[in-house]
């Protein structure tokens, strides 16, 4: 093969595995992977008893991939470059240990981790590349970037964060809502733990100065709506992101997987992936 032949040879697609492949987010990830030539669906797995076990991962699209949904995830992760995981904390942490051992990068969209779970992800990132973010949508991550500037300018305004998700979501407030609160608090020189108000009921008294209120709504098939409301004297500013489908999360996840293929080990979020990280 001549040098010119080498230069013209196409790069091998990035081999991605999908956890929770028969769920709503898992199927969206499968659809996104099949729509792009630079990535490939290498494995798909789910928990025992999942509806799609033993079936082609793309059967719901009327397509065949020869990748079957399996419960044997350790075997499924053989010959994969990256695992994309939007499951539950306990499942993600089990997958994390194997990915670290085998040198497989991870895109983690799972939310609801406790401090120990977050610490395990940080430790694993010493050996593999991990993008860990509460929201993978590109638009939401641009909003994160803009919110920092807004919060710095709007000191003295009351802050309320409202989120709504489908009836099946198991954690509240959402990981994205908590991240929005963290951004506001940090921009204003405080911690979210100092300022968060997660519940109001009964005779609450006046609003605590500087508090960040949260409201979590659940119902229907809402994919994800988030609003940060700044309320001042005689004026209100609302910054809102609404996801009409799960595809923005899937497309952001693919961008994160591509980033990890270039980055090497380390813990990153979507601000790093999109080049929005503030320079010191």
Protein backbone atom coordinates (compact mmCIF):
# COMPACT_ATOMS: atom_id res chain seq x y z
CA UNK A 1 0.00 0.00 0.00
CA UNK A 2 1.39 3.41 -0.96
CA UNK A 3 1.43 6.39 1.42
CA UNK A 4 -1.41 7.98 -0.54
CA UNK A 5 -3.45 4.80 -0.13
CA UNK A 6 -2.87 4.96 3.63
CA UNK A 7 -4.03 8.56 3.82
CA UNK A 8 -7.23 7.79 1.93
CA UNK A 9 -8.16 4.76 4.05
CA UNK A 10 -11.23 5.54 6.17
CA UNK A 11 -10.82 5.48 9.94
CA UNK A 12 -12.47 2.59 11.73
CA UNK A 13 -15.78 3.54 13.36
CA UNK A 14 -15.75 4.08 17.11
CA UNK A 15 -17.21 0.93 18.67
CA UNK A 16 -19.88 1.89 21.20
CA UNK A 17 -21.91 -0.21 23.63
CA UNK A 18 -25.30 0.86 24.95
CA UNK A 19 -26.48 0.00 28.46
CA UNK A 20 -30.22 -0.22 29.04
CA UNK A 21 -30.69 -0.81 25.33
CA UNK A 22 -34.39 -1.70 25.48
CA UNK A 23 -35.36 1.43 27.41
CA UNK A 24 -36.46 4.78 26.02
CA UNK A 25 -33.02 6.37 26.16
CA UNK A 26 -31.26 3.18 25.11
CA UNK A 27 -33.32 2.88 21.95
CA UNK A 28 -32.67 6.52 21.10
CA UNK A 29 -28.93 5.89 21.47
CA UNK A 30 -29.17 2.87 19.15
CA UNK A 31 -31.01 4.98 16.57
CA UNK A 32 -28.38 7.75 16.78
CA UNK A 33 -25.47 5.32 16.45
CA UNK A 34 -26.97 3.76 13.32
CA UNK A 35 -27.39 7.20 11.74
CA UNK A 36 -23.67 8.09 11.81
CA UNK A 37 -20.88 6.39 9.88
CA UNK A 38 -18.04 7.31 12.25
CA UNK A 39 -19.54 5.31 15.13
CA UNK A 40 -20.82 1.75 15.32
CA UNK A 41 -23.15 -0.15 17.61
CA UNK A 42 -20.85 -2.83 18.99
CA UNK A 43 -22.96 -4.14 21.89
CA UNK A 44 -26.35 -3.68 23.54
CA UNK A 45 -27.38 -5.01 26.92
CA UNK A 46 -30.06 -4.70 29.57
CA UNK A 47 -31.15 -6.18 32.87
CA UNK A 48 -32.61 -9.70 33.17
CA UNK A 49 -36.27 -9.70 32.18
CA UNK A 50 -36.02 -6.70 29.85
CA UNK A 51 -38.47 -6.90 26.96
CA UNK A 52 -35.89 -6.81 24.15
CA UNK A 53 -33.53 -9.51 25.41
CA UNK A 54 -32.49 -11.86 22.62
CA UNK A 55 -33.79 -9.56 19.90
CA UNK A 56 -31.86 -7.46 17.41
CA UNK A 57 -31.09 -4.12 19.02
CA UNK A 58 -32.59 -2.26 16.04
CA UNK A 59 -35.72 -4.40 15.67
CA UNK A 60 -37.86 -1.48 16.89
CA UNK A 61 -36.62 0.47 13.84
CA UNK A 62 -37.42 -2.36 11.43
CA UNK A 63 -33.69 -2.91 10.85
CA UNK A 64 -31.15 -5.65 11.44
CA UNK A 65 -27.72 -5.05 12.96
CA UNK A 66 -26.73 -8.57 14.07
CA UNK A 67 -26.23 -7.02 17.55
CA UNK A 68 -28.58 -8.77 19.96
CA UNK A 69 -29.69 -7.29 23.27
CA UNK A 70 -28.17 -9.45 26.00
CA UNK A 71 -28.15 -9.59 29.79
CA UNK A 72 -24.52 -10.82 29.75
CA UNK A 73 -22.98 -7.38 29.80
CA UNK A 74 -19.46 -8.38 30.79
CA UNK A 75 -19.21 -10.49 27.64
CA UNK A 76 -20.94 -7.79 25.59
CA UNK A 77 -18.27 -5.25 26.52
CA UNK A 78 -15.57 -7.27 24.75
CA UNK A 79 -14.09 -5.33 21.81
CA UNK A 80 -15.78 -2.03 22.68
CA UNK A 81 -14.15 1.39 22.75
CA UNK A 82 -16.79 3.24 24.75
CA UNK A 83 -19.86 2.47 26.85
CA UNK A 84 -22.75 4.94 26.88
CA UNK A 85 -24.74 4.50 30.09
CA UNK A 86 -28.01 6.19 31.09
CA UNK A 87 -29.23 3.55 33.55
CA UNK A 88 -29.33 3.55 37.38
CA UNK A 89 -26.47 4.38 39.76
CA UNK A 90 -26.01 0.80 40.98
CA UNK A 91 -25.83 -0.56 37.44
CA UNK A 92 -23.55 2.19 36.18
CA UNK A 93 -21.11 1.64 39.05
CA UNK A 94 -20.92 -2.08 38.28
CA UNK A 95 -20.27 -1.29 34.61
CA UNK A 96 -17.69 1.32 35.66
CA UNK A 97 -15.53 -1.23 37.47
CA UNK A 98 -15.33 -3.50 34.41
CA UNK A 99 -14.74 -0.61 32.00
CA UNK A 100 -11.87 0.61 34.17
CA UNK A 101 -10.35 -2.86 34.27
CA UNK A 102 -10.57 -3.24 30.48
CA UNK A 103 -9.65 0.31 29.46
CA UNK A 104 -13.07 1.14 28.01
CA UNK A 105 -14.09 4.81 28.02
CA UNK A 106 -17.51 5.77 29.43
CA UNK A 107 -20.13 8.40 28.73
CA UNK A 108 -22.22 8.58 31.90
CA UNK A 109 -25.62 10.24 31.70
CA UNK A 110 -26.97 8.44 34.77
CA UNK A 111 -28.11 10.74 37.59
CA UNK A 112 -28.86 10.24 41.28
CA UNK A 113 -25.38 9.22 42.50
CA UNK A 114 -24.49 9.70 46.15
CA UNK A 115 -21.10 11.04 47.24
CA UNK A 116 -19.54 7.58 47.23
CA UNK A 117 -20.74 6.94 43.69
CA UNK A 118 -19.34 10.23 42.44
CA UNK A 119 -16.05 9.46 44.16
CA UNK A 120 -15.89 6.06 42.42
CA UNK A 121 -16.33 7.76 39.04
CA UNK A 122 -13.58 10.25 39.86
CA UNK A 123 -11.24 7.45 40.89
CA UNK A 124 -11.95 5.38 37.76
CA UNK A 125 -11.11 8.40 35.59
CA UNK A 126 -7.47 7.97 36.62
CA UNK A 127 -7.34 5.04 34.19
CA UNK A 128 -10.04 5.66 31.53
CA UNK A 129 -11.71 8.62 29.92
CA UNK A 130 -15.12 9.49 31.38
CA UNK A 131 -17.57 12.20 30.37
CA UNK A 132 -19.92 12.55 33.35
CA UNK A 133 -22.62 15.17 32.97
CA UNK A 134 -26.16 15.65 34.29
CA UNK A 135 -27.36 16.58 30.81
CA UNK A 136 -25.76 15.67 27.47
CA UNK A 137 -27.86 17.98 25.27
CA UNK A 138 -25.74 20.57 23.51
CA UNK A 139 -28.36 23.30 23.97
CA UNK A 140 -28.59 22.72 27.71
CA UNK A 141 -24.82 22.88 28.07
CA UNK A 142 -24.76 26.21 26.26
CA UNK A 143 -27.43 27.32 28.75
CA UNK A 144 -25.13 26.23 31.61
CA UNK A 145 -22.47 28.50 30.13
CA UNK A 146 -24.83 31.47 29.78
CA UNK A 147 -26.31 30.96 33.24
CA UNK A 148 -22.98 31.61 34.92
CA UNK A 149 -22.88 35.11 33.42
CA UNK A 150 -26.52 35.79 34.29
CA UNK A 151 -26.09 34.71 37.91
CA UNK A 152 -23.05 36.95 38.38
CA UNK A 153 -24.98 39.97 37.07
CA UNK A 154 -28.28 39.30 38.85
CA UNK A 155 -27.15 39.24 42.47
CA UNK A 156 -30.00 40.29 44.72
CA UNK A 157 -32.62 38.61 42.51
CA UNK A 158 -34.58 35.69 43.96
CA UNK A 159 -33.83 32.42 42.13
CA UNK A 160 -36.28 29.60 41.51
CA UNK A 161 -35.57 26.45 39.47
CA UNK A 162 -38.50 24.58 37.98
CA UNK A 163 -38.22 21.21 36.25
CA UNK A 164 -40.70 18.75 34.81
CA UNK A 165 -40.16 15.18 33.64
CA UNK A 166 -42.20 12.14 32.66
CA UNK A 167 -43.98 10.03 35.26
CA UNK A 168 -41.30 7.30 35.18
CA UNK A 169 -38.37 9.42 36.43
CA UNK A 170 -37.20 8.13 39.81
CA UNK A 171 -35.05 10.97 41.22
CA UNK A 172 -35.98 14.54 42.12
CA UNK A 173 -34.91 17.21 41.60
CA UNK A 174 -33.35 16.15 38.33
CA UNK A 175 -29.59 16.06 38.03
CA UNK A 176 -29.84 18.90 35.53
CA UNK A 177 -31.84 21.04 37.97
CA UNK A 178 -29.24 20.47 40.67
CA UNK A 179 -26.48 21.44 38.25
CA UNK A 180 -28.35 24.65 37.41
CA UNK A 181 -28.51 25.44 41.11
CA UNK A 182 -24.81 24.69 41.57
CA UNK A 183 -23.92 27.07 38.75
CA UNK A 184 -25.97 29.89 40.26
CA UNK A 185 -24.62 29.35 43.76
CA UNK A 186 -20.98 29.10 42.66
CA UNK A 187 -21.26 32.19 40.46
CA UNK A 188 -22.52 34.11 43.49
CA UNK A 189 -19.78 32.87 45.83
CA UNK A 190 -21.76 30.26 47.75
CA UNK A 191 -22.44 26.52 47.78
CA UNK A 192 -25.72 24.94 46.77
CA UNK A 193 -25.94 23.20 50.16
CA UNK A 194 -26.01 26.62 51.84
CA UNK A 195 -28.71 28.05 49.60
CA UNK A 196 -30.99 25.26 48.39
CA UNK A 197 -34.66 25.07 49.42
CA UNK A 198 -36.06 21.75 48.23
CA UNK A 199 -39.52 21.83 49.80
CA UNK A 200 -42.09 24.35 50.97
CA UNK A 201 -45.24 23.38 52.81
CA UNK A 202 -47.50 25.05 55.31
CA UNK A 203 -46.63 28.26 57.12
CA UNK A 204 -43.13 28.76 55.73
CA UNK A 205 -42.57 32.40 56.63
CA UNK A 206 -40.91 34.83 54.30
CA UNK A 207 -38.56 33.63 51.60
CA UNK A 208 -35.02 33.24 52.92
CA UNK A 209 -32.75 35.85 51.35
CA UNK A 210 -30.34 34.32 48.85
CA UNK A 211 -32.09 30.94 48.77
CA UNK A 212 -32.43 28.91 45.56
CA UNK A 213 -35.82 27.25 45.40
CA UNK A 214 -36.55 24.01 43.55
CA UNK A 215 -39.83 22.64 42.24
CA UNK A 216 -40.06 19.20 40.61
CA UNK A 217 -43.10 18.24 38.53
CA UNK A 218 -43.77 14.71 37.26
CA UNK A 219 -46.35 13.62 34.72
CA UNK A 220 -47.16 12.33 31.27
CA UNK A 221 -44.35 11.76 28.80
CA UNK A 222 -42.45 15.05 29.25
CA UNK A 223 -38.84 14.41 28.21
CA UNK A 224 -37.35 17.29 30.18
CA UNK A 225 -38.21 20.96 30.79
CA UNK A 226 -36.01 23.23 32.91
CA UNK A 227 -36.45 26.89 33.81
CA UNK A 228 -34.29 29.17 35.95
CA UNK A 229 -36.30 32.18 37.09
CA UNK A 230 -34.64 35.33 38.42
CA UNK A 231 -37.24 37.53 40.16
CA UNK A 232 -36.33 41.12 41.00
CA UNK A 233 -38.25 44.25 41.84
CA UNK A 234 -40.62 44.91 38.97
CA UNK A 235 -38.95 42.45 36.56
CA UNK A 236 -38.37 38.74 35.97
CA UNK A 237 -35.93 36.91 33.75
CA UNK A 238 -36.60 33.30 32.76
CA UNK A 239 -34.05 31.06 31.07
CA UNK A 240 -35.65 27.89 29.73
CA UNK A 241 -34.61 24.74 27.92
CA UNK A 242 -37.17 22.22 26.66
CA UNK A 243 -36.28 18.86 25.16
CA UNK A 244 -38.84 17.69 22.62
CA UNK A 245 -37.28 14.24 22.36
CA UNK A 246 -34.38 12.23 23.75
CA UNK A 247 -32.36 12.63 20.56
CA UNK A 248 -30.47 15.74 21.79
CA UNK A 249 -29.12 13.67 24.69
CA UNK A 250 -28.08 10.90 22.30
CA UNK A 251 -26.35 13.24 19.87
CA UNK A 252 -24.48 14.93 22.70
CA UNK A 253 -23.43 11.50 23.96
CA UNK A 254 -21.96 10.61 20.57
CA UNK A 255 -20.02 13.87 20.59
CA UNK A 256 -18.75 12.97 24.06
CA UNK A 257 -17.65 9.51 22.88
CA UNK A 258 -15.73 11.06 19.99
CA UNK A 259 -14.07 13.48 22.41
CA UNK A 260 -12.94 10.62 24.66
CA UNK A 261 -11.37 8.82 21.71
CA UNK A 262 -8.96 11.77 21.47
CA UNK A 263 -8.59 12.79 25.11
CA UNK A 264 -7.03 9.92 27.02
CA UNK A 265 -7.87 9.21 30.69
CA UNK A 266 -9.54 11.86 32.80
CA UNK A 267 -12.85 13.10 34.12
CA UNK A 268 -14.65 15.51 31.81
CA UNK A 269 -18.09 17.02 31.34
CA UNK A 270 -19.89 18.48 28.34
CA UNK A 271 -18.31 21.89 28.91
CA UNK A 272 -15.00 20.22 28.04
CA UNK A 273 -16.51 18.38 25.07
CA UNK A 274 -17.95 21.60 23.62
CA UNK A 275 -14.91 23.77 24.41
CA UNK A 276 -16.92 25.97 26.78
CA UNK A 277 -14.75 25.45 29.85
CA UNK A 278 -13.76 28.83 31.27
CA UNK A 279 -10.03 29.46 31.10
CA UNK A 280 -8.34 30.52 34.39
